Protein backbone atom coordinates (compact mmCIF):
# COMPACT_ATOMS: atom_id res chain seq x y z
CA GLN A 1 1.40 36.71 -39.31
CA ALA A 2 1.70 37.92 -42.54
CA THR A 3 -0.38 39.40 -45.42
CA ARG A 4 0.10 40.33 -48.89
CA PHE A 5 -2.31 42.72 -51.07
CA ASP A 6 -2.64 42.41 -54.60
CA ARG A 7 -2.24 46.32 -55.11
CA ALA A 8 -1.20 49.16 -52.63
CA THR A 9 -4.08 51.03 -51.34
CA LEU A 10 -4.45 54.61 -52.29
CA ILE A 11 -6.42 57.61 -50.96
CA SER A 12 -7.02 60.75 -52.94
CA LEU A 13 -8.50 63.97 -51.17
CA GLY A 14 -9.78 66.49 -52.90
CA GLY A 15 -8.35 66.20 -56.28
CA ALA A 16 -4.80 65.66 -54.76
CA PRO A 17 -2.43 62.92 -56.02
CA PRO A 18 -3.49 59.71 -54.52
CA ILE A 19 -1.49 58.69 -51.32
CA GLU A 20 -0.23 55.03 -50.08
CA VAL A 21 -1.86 54.15 -46.96
CA LEU A 22 -0.99 50.61 -46.66
CA GLY A 23 2.09 48.97 -47.96
CA SER A 24 1.92 46.26 -50.56
CA HIS A 25 2.19 43.40 -47.58
CA THR A 26 2.68 43.64 -43.76
CA GLU A 27 3.94 41.18 -41.51
CA GLU A 28 3.74 40.94 -37.95
CA LEU A 29 5.96 39.20 -35.18
CA SER A 30 4.34 38.68 -32.08
CA ILE A 31 5.43 37.10 -28.21
CA ASN A 32 3.43 37.00 -24.90
CA LEU A 33 4.25 36.03 -21.57
CA ALA A 34 1.78 35.33 -18.98
CA ASP A 35 2.45 34.62 -15.08
CA ARG A 36 0.09 33.99 -12.12
CA LEU A 37 1.78 35.23 -9.08
CA ASP A 38 1.23 32.83 -6.25
CA ILE A 39 -0.10 35.56 -3.71
CA THR A 40 -2.47 33.25 -1.45
CA GLY A 41 0.19 30.57 -1.60
CA GLN A 42 -2.15 28.31 -3.28
CA THR A 43 0.28 26.95 -5.87
CA LYS A 44 2.76 26.18 -3.01
CA ALA A 45 0.24 24.17 -1.06
CA ALA A 46 -0.73 22.17 -4.07
CA VAL A 47 3.13 21.22 -4.81
CA GLU A 48 3.37 19.91 -1.30
CA GLN A 49 0.30 18.35 -1.12
CA ALA A 50 1.65 16.45 -4.41
CA ASN A 51 4.71 15.42 -2.53
CA MET A 52 3.16 14.07 0.61
CA GLN A 53 0.79 12.14 -1.58
CA THR A 54 3.97 10.59 -3.43
CA MET A 55 5.77 10.16 -0.10
CA ALA A 56 2.28 8.36 1.12
CA ASP A 57 2.39 6.37 -1.59
CA GLN A 58 5.69 5.02 -0.88
CA TYR A 59 4.69 4.02 2.49
CA GLN A 60 1.82 2.41 1.20
CA TYR A 61 3.83 0.45 -1.11
CA ASP A 62 6.58 -0.60 2.09
CA TYR A 63 3.21 -1.75 4.20
CA LEU A 64 1.97 -3.50 1.14
CA ARG A 65 5.24 -5.47 0.47
CA ASN A 66 5.68 -5.81 4.18
CA GLN A 67 2.66 -7.70 4.33
CA ARG A 68 3.06 -9.70 1.36
CA GLY A 69 6.47 -10.84 2.97
CA LEU A 70 4.81 -11.67 6.25
CA GLN A 71 2.09 -13.85 4.73
CA GLY A 72 4.29 -15.76 2.40
CA THR A 73 6.08 -16.71 5.41
CA THR A 74 3.08 -17.49 7.23
CA ILE A 75 1.92 -20.01 4.40
CA TYR A 76 5.09 -21.32 4.15
CA TYR A 77 5.21 -22.71 7.81
CA ASN A 78 1.86 -23.44 7.71
CA LEU A 79 2.16 -25.77 4.91
CA LEU A 80 5.14 -27.16 6.74
CA ARG A 81 3.50 -27.55 10.09
CA ALA A 82 0.59 -29.36 8.29
CA GLN A 83 2.81 -31.85 6.82
CA HIS A 84 4.15 -32.81 10.01
CA GLN A 85 1.11 -32.98 11.50
CA VAL A 86 0.02 -35.92 9.03
CA ALA A 87 3.30 -37.39 10.10
CA VAL A 88 2.16 -37.31 13.67
CA ALA A 89 -1.01 -38.36 13.04
CA GLN A 90 0.15 -41.23 11.13
CA SER A 91 2.35 -42.49 13.71
CA SER A 92 -0.82 -42.08 16.38
CA LEU A 93 -2.72 -44.18 13.97
CA ASP A 94 -0.17 -46.87 13.78
CA THR A 95 0.39 -47.19 17.74
CA ALA A 96 -3.55 -47.34 18.01
CA LYS A 97 -3.50 -49.83 15.67
CA ARG A 98 -0.76 -51.90 17.15
CA GLN A 99 -2.34 -51.27 21.00
CA LEU A 100 -5.81 -52.58 19.25
CA THR A 101 -3.90 -55.58 18.13
CA ASP A 102 -2.35 -56.35 21.80
CA ALA A 103 -5.78 -55.93 23.22
CA GLN A 104 -7.37 -58.27 21.13
CA ASN A 105 -4.59 -60.79 21.60
CA LEU A 106 -5.14 -60.53 25.15
CA ASN A 107 -8.83 -60.78 25.31
CA ALA A 108 -8.50 -63.85 23.22
CA ALA A 109 -5.99 -65.39 25.53
CA GLN A 110 -8.46 -64.72 27.85
CA VAL A 111 -6.12 -62.19 29.77
CA GLY A 112 -7.03 -58.90 28.89
CA GLN A 113 -10.83 -57.96 29.07
CA LYS A 114 -13.31 -56.98 26.44
CA ILE A 115 -13.53 -53.42 27.57
CA ASP A 116 -10.19 -52.86 26.66
CA VAL A 117 -10.85 -54.01 22.99
CA TYR A 118 -13.64 -51.26 22.79
CA ARG A 119 -11.29 -48.71 24.04
CA ALA A 120 -8.49 -49.49 21.63
CA ALA A 121 -11.03 -49.59 18.48
CA THR A 122 -12.08 -46.04 19.86
CA GLN A 123 -8.89 -44.80 19.82
CA VAL A 124 -8.07 -46.31 16.62
CA ALA A 125 -11.21 -44.67 15.17
CA ASN A 126 -10.33 -41.17 16.82
CA ALA A 127 -6.64 -41.65 15.45
CA GLN A 128 -8.18 -41.97 11.69
CA GLN A 129 -10.00 -38.97 11.78
CA GLN A 130 -7.41 -37.36 13.36
CA LEU A 131 -5.46 -38.28 9.95
CA THR A 132 -8.07 -37.26 7.96
CA ALA A 133 -8.71 -33.83 9.44
CA ALA A 134 -4.56 -33.45 8.86
CA GLN A 135 -4.39 -34.67 5.45
CA ASN A 136 -7.47 -31.97 4.93
CA ASN A 137 -5.22 -29.59 6.39
CA VAL A 138 -2.33 -30.18 4.04
CA ALA A 139 -4.25 -29.92 1.02
CA ILE A 140 -5.71 -26.35 2.16
CA ALA A 141 -2.34 -25.49 2.92
CA ARG A 142 -1.02 -26.73 -0.23
CA GLU A 143 -3.58 -24.72 -2.24
CA SER A 144 -3.11 -21.49 -0.34
CA PHE A 145 0.71 -21.69 -0.98
CA ASN A 146 0.30 -22.28 -4.74
CA ASP A 147 -2.31 -19.55 -4.97
CA LEU A 148 0.63 -17.24 -3.38
CA VAL A 149 3.25 -18.32 -5.75
CA GLY A 150 0.62 -18.31 -8.70
CA ARG A 151 0.95 -22.03 -9.65
CA PRO A 152 -1.92 -24.48 -10.43
CA LEU A 153 -3.70 -25.11 -7.25
CA THR A 154 -3.77 -28.68 -7.06
CA ASP A 155 0.06 -29.17 -8.09
CA SER A 156 2.14 -31.04 -5.31
CA VAL A 157 4.42 -29.26 -2.84
CA GLN A 158 6.93 -30.10 -0.45
CA VAL A 159 8.69 -27.54 1.51
CA THR A 160 11.82 -27.91 3.19
CA ASP A 161 12.37 -27.71 7.00
CA VAL A 162 14.15 -24.92 8.63
CA PRO A 163 17.86 -25.85 9.25
CA GLY A 164 18.55 -27.67 12.82
CA VAL A 165 15.01 -29.13 12.59
CA ASN A 166 14.74 -33.10 13.03
CA VAL A 167 11.22 -34.48 12.37
CA GLY A 168 10.25 -37.87 12.86
CA VAL A 169 13.33 -39.12 15.03
CA ASP A 170 12.77 -41.21 17.92
CA VAL A 171 13.41 -39.63 21.71
CA THR A 172 13.64 -43.12 23.07
CA GLY A 173 15.90 -44.53 20.48
CA ALA A 174 13.86 -47.39 20.46
CA SER A 175 9.98 -48.42 19.78
CA ALA A 176 9.36 -50.64 22.65
CA VAL A 177 7.42 -49.75 25.28
CA GLY A 178 9.97 -48.50 28.63
CA ALA A 179 12.83 -48.79 26.44
CA PRO A 180 15.73 -46.14 28.19
CA THR A 181 16.07 -42.64 27.05
CA THR A 182 19.17 -41.90 25.40
CA LEU A 183 18.29 -38.20 24.86
CA THR A 184 18.35 -35.57 27.51
CA PRO A 185 15.54 -33.06 27.38
CA SER A 186 17.02 -29.43 27.61
CA PRO A 187 14.09 -26.97 28.30
CA PHE A 188 14.57 -23.58 25.99
CA THR A 189 15.22 -21.04 28.58
CA VAL A 190 15.29 -17.22 28.39
CA ALA A 191 18.07 -15.50 30.05
CA PRO A 192 16.48 -12.57 32.85
CA SER A 193 18.46 -9.57 30.99
CA GLU A 194 16.65 -10.03 28.00
CA ILE A 195 13.42 -10.38 29.51
CA SER A 196 14.14 -7.13 31.88
CA ALA A 197 15.27 -5.66 28.67
CA ILE A 198 11.65 -5.76 27.38
CA ASN A 199 10.32 -2.52 27.31
CA ILE A 200 6.86 -1.83 25.89
CA ASP A 201 6.60 1.82 25.56
CA GLN A 202 10.07 2.35 23.90
CA SER A 203 8.43 -0.79 21.71
CA LEU A 204 5.24 1.44 20.84
CA LYS A 205 7.52 4.30 20.11
CA THR A 206 9.71 2.38 17.75
CA ALA A 207 6.94 1.05 15.81
CA TYR A 208 4.89 4.36 15.66
CA ALA A 209 8.32 5.78 14.30
CA GLN A 210 9.07 2.86 11.52
CA ARG A 211 5.91 1.02 10.79
CA PRO A 212 4.78 2.14 6.82
CA GLU A 213 1.45 2.02 7.55
CA ILE A 214 1.66 4.44 10.72
CA LEU A 215 3.77 6.80 8.40
CA MET A 216 1.31 6.32 5.80
CA ASP A 217 -1.54 7.63 7.49
CA GLN A 218 0.14 10.22 9.28
CA VAL A 219 1.27 11.87 5.80
CA ASN A 220 -2.59 11.14 4.57
CA VAL A 221 -3.31 13.56 7.52
CA LYS A 222 -1.23 16.29 6.44
CA VAL A 223 -2.43 16.01 2.91
CA ALA A 224 -5.61 16.28 4.06
CA GLN A 225 -5.17 19.47 5.88
CA SER A 226 -3.48 20.64 3.14
CA GLY A 227 -6.73 20.47 0.84
CA ILE A 228 -8.30 22.90 3.20
CA LYS A 229 -6.12 25.44 2.23
CA LEU A 230 -6.73 24.38 -1.72
CA ALA A 231 -10.65 24.67 -1.09
CA HIS A 232 -10.39 27.90 0.02
CA ALA A 233 -9.23 29.10 -3.60
CA GLY A 234 -12.34 29.69 -4.58
CA LEU A 235 -12.78 32.96 -2.83
CA GLU A 236 -8.97 34.05 -2.80
CA PRO A 237 -7.85 36.62 -4.94
CA THR A 238 -5.54 36.10 -7.96
CA LEU A 239 -3.13 38.35 -9.68
CA ASP A 240 -1.89 38.14 -12.94
CA LEU A 241 0.96 39.41 -14.93
CA ASN A 242 1.06 39.72 -18.57
CA ALA A 243 3.83 41.13 -21.07
CA SER A 244 3.24 41.19 -25.14
CA GLY A 245 5.22 42.64 -27.74
CA ASP A 246 4.90 43.24 -31.52
CA TYR A 247 7.26 43.86 -34.48
CA TYR A 248 6.35 45.25 -37.56
CA PRO A 249 8.67 44.47 -40.30
CA THR A 250 6.80 47.05 -42.59
CA THR A 251 5.37 50.03 -41.26
CA SER A 252 2.23 51.49 -42.35
CA PHE A 253 -0.62 53.69 -41.66
CA GLN A 254 -1.76 51.30 -39.35
CA ALA A 255 1.10 50.19 -37.95
CA PRO A 256 3.19 53.03 -37.56
CA ARG A 257 5.73 51.70 -35.54
CA LYS A 258 7.92 49.06 -35.75
CA ARG A 259 7.97 47.48 -31.88
CA VAL A 260 4.79 47.83 -29.77
CA GLY A 261 5.17 46.84 -25.85
CA LEU A 262 2.38 45.76 -23.32
CA ILE A 263 2.68 45.44 -19.61
CA SER A 264 -0.52 44.90 -17.54
CA ALA A 265 -1.50 43.44 -14.12
CA ASN A 266 -4.79 41.97 -13.74
CA LEU A 267 -6.36 41.26 -9.86
CA ASN A 268 -9.30 38.98 -9.56
CA ILE A 269 -11.18 39.51 -6.28
CA PRO A 270 -13.96 37.19 -5.96
CA LEU A 271 -17.01 38.14 -3.76
CA TYR A 272 -19.50 35.79 -3.72
CA ASP A 273 -19.72 31.87 -5.28
CA GLY A 274 -22.87 30.81 -3.78
CA GLY A 275 -21.54 28.81 -1.25
CA ALA A 276 -19.48 26.43 -3.34
CA THR A 277 -16.21 27.19 -1.59
CA ARG A 278 -17.47 26.78 1.90
CA ASP A 279 -19.09 23.75 1.29
CA LYS A 280 -15.84 22.33 -0.30
CA VAL A 281 -13.83 23.49 2.74
CA GLN A 282 -16.18 21.79 4.92
CA GLU A 283 -15.63 18.58 3.02
CA SER A 284 -12.00 19.25 3.10
CA LYS A 285 -12.58 19.27 7.07
CA LEU A 286 -14.07 16.58 7.25
CA ARG A 287 -11.55 14.54 5.18
CA THR A 288 -8.90 15.23 7.63
CA GLN A 289 -10.83 14.10 10.59
CA ASN A 290 -11.68 10.95 8.65
CA ALA A 291 -7.74 10.81 8.13
CA GLN A 292 -7.12 11.42 11.91
CA SER A 293 -9.44 8.82 13.07
CA THR A 294 -7.55 6.45 10.49
CA LEU A 295 -4.20 7.35 11.97
CA ASP A 296 -5.87 6.68 15.41
CA SER A 297 -7.23 3.31 14.80
CA ALA A 298 -3.80 2.16 13.17
CA LYS A 299 -1.68 2.91 16.03
CA GLU A 300 -4.21 1.21 18.07
CA ASP A 301 -3.79 -1.89 16.09
CA VAL A 302 -0.03 -1.56 16.47
CA ALA A 303 -0.27 -0.96 19.79
CA LEU A 304 -2.05 -4.33 20.27
CA GLN A 305 0.13 -6.06 18.27
CA VAL A 306 3.14 -4.71 20.25
């Protein structure tokens, strides 16, 4: 800062010649430095808490990404299954109608019984009901898929079969009843070594170590625990170091030195805050207990899935 006067300040004592006590102008350059020493570890605890919260957010992102991927895969296969079920239901209805026609012809020729016609008609009605239900399931699965990818719900969708899956191929090679089977069924088998290699305990350990929701909850427990340390700040002492310096290019009666420096230390020891710190500490402890309960619940869910 700088101050410029219109004229000098003069003082006359006892009729003596006047004395100039202040220059025509003054200049002052100041610098101040202050630092709070982390004597109780509050700053370190706050930084650690922020870093752990960032880690927890990343784990939560990974968890949501995995859930979204699983949801997308599930909805895709649900739609694929629903489309195939319509084909199966339609085939069942066609078969039931043929059986009804056969029963009617046999009854008209006085070879079959009337009760067979009624049974065949009942099978046709049931097959029609199953076809309607399958078509409704396709509509629901299609809307779920469109909602997942952000398309209009009523848009048509035809998903592609997984490689190696053949749908609609006659197993017998012919539609006639009693036709010889041309394909030999080969049921899927699992090697005994693969079954014996399954270890539930090891699978649990792997899941606890890799599942992002478990890692997220574990970090959240540590975040809550660090909050207890931060909650004690209200009654912990603080130490401030301050350094300041002033430079006066033009000396005067009020500023006889060109350079003036100051170093100070302030120690603040709180004695009482009306119980605010105690309540904050208790709140942080409850948050820690809640975070631990959430972690335990997540572990139980993962164990059930494993």
